[in-house]
């Protein structure tokens, strides 16, 4: 197995958006809405 890799199946944890918000294209009002959602869910950023 020289040079080969063996691993368990991978999981992609990338999130590109949620709840109508597209993260790559967030405007300032979108960022405020995202902050409200995070706060509501107990996520502190």
C-alpha atoms as a PDB file:
ATOM      1  CA  UNK A   1       0.000   0.000   0.000  1.00  0.00           C
ATOM      2  CA  UNK A   2       2.869   2.383  -0.450  1.00  0.00           C
ATOM      3  CA  UNK A   3       1.538   5.827  -1.330  1.00  0.00           C
ATOM      4  CA  UNK A   4      -2.142   4.834  -1.079  1.00  0.00           C
ATOM      5  CA  UNK A   5      -4.661   6.182   1.417  1.00  0.00           C
ATOM      6  CA  UNK A   6      -7.417   4.260   3.172  1.00  0.00           C
ATOM      7  CA  UNK A   7     -10.053   6.187   5.088  1.00  0.00           C
ATOM      8  CA  UNK A   8     -13.664   6.067   6.175  1.00  0.00           C
ATOM      9  CA  UNK A   9     -16.256   7.863   4.051  1.00  0.00           C
ATOM     10  CA  UNK A  10     -16.019  11.638   4.268  1.00  0.00           C
ATOM     11  CA  UNK A  11     -18.735  14.078   5.290  1.00  0.00           C
ATOM     12  CA  UNK A  12     -18.952  17.544   3.742  1.00  0.00           C
ATOM     13  CA  UNK A  13     -19.979  19.978   6.480  1.00  0.00           C
ATOM     14  CA  UNK A  14     -19.971  23.014   4.185  1.00  0.00           C
ATOM     15  CA  UNK A  15     -23.192  24.998   4.311  1.00  0.00           C
ATOM     16  CA  UNK A  16     -23.805  27.492   1.499  1.00  0.00           C
ATOM     17  CA  UNK A  17     -27.016  28.939   2.848  1.00  0.00           C
ATOM     18  CA  UNK A  18     -30.155  28.374   4.860  1.00  0.00           C
ATOM     19  CA  UNK A  19     -33.594  29.858   5.499  1.00  0.00           C
ATOM     20  CA  UNK A  20     -33.523  31.851   2.270  1.00  0.00           C
ATOM     21  CA  UNK A  21     -30.021  33.270   2.868  1.00  0.00           C
ATOM     22  CA  UNK A  22     -27.211  32.538   0.397  1.00  0.00           C
ATOM     23  CA  UNK A  23     -24.049  32.871   2.474  1.00  0.00           C
ATOM     24  CA  UNK A  24     -21.687  33.855  -0.369  1.00  0.00           C
ATOM     25  CA  UNK A  25     -23.982  36.788  -1.296  1.00  0.00           C
ATOM     26  CA  UNK A  26     -25.041  38.133   2.110  1.00  0.00           C
ATOM     27  CA  UNK A  27     -25.989  41.781   2.256  1.00  0.00           C
ATOM     28  CA  UNK A  28     -25.783  43.780   5.482  1.00  0.00           C
ATOM     29  CA  UNK A  29     -29.508  43.219   6.284  1.00  0.00           C
ATOM     30  CA  UNK A  30     -28.974  39.482   5.581  1.00  0.00           C
ATOM     31  CA  UNK A  31     -26.048  39.428   8.014  1.00  0.00           C
ATOM     32  CA  UNK A  32     -28.259  40.980  10.691  1.00  0.00           C
ATOM     33  CA  UNK A  33     -30.960  38.364  10.030  1.00  0.00           C
ATOM     34  CA  UNK A  34     -28.351  35.577  10.233  1.00  0.00           C
ATOM     35  CA  UNK A  35     -27.137  36.978  13.563  1.00  0.00           C
ATOM     36  CA  UNK A  36     -30.719  36.909  14.878  1.00  0.00           C
ATOM     37  CA  UNK A  37     -31.132  33.295  13.763  1.00  0.00           C
ATOM     38  CA  UNK A  38     -27.830  32.283  15.386  1.00  0.00           C
ATOM     39  CA  UNK A  39     -28.769  34.022  18.629  1.00  0.00           C
ATOM     40  CA  UNK A  40     -32.181  32.313  18.636  1.00  0.00           C
ATOM     41  CA  UNK A  41     -30.490  28.915  18.184  1.00  0.00           C
ATOM     42  CA  UNK A  42     -27.966  29.610  20.943  1.00  0.00           C
ATOM     43  CA  UNK A  43     -25.030  29.971  18.544  1.00  0.00           C
ATOM     44  CA  UNK A  44     -22.703  32.779  19.587  1.00  0.00           C
ATOM     45  CA  UNK A  45     -20.570  34.212  16.786  1.00  0.00           C
END
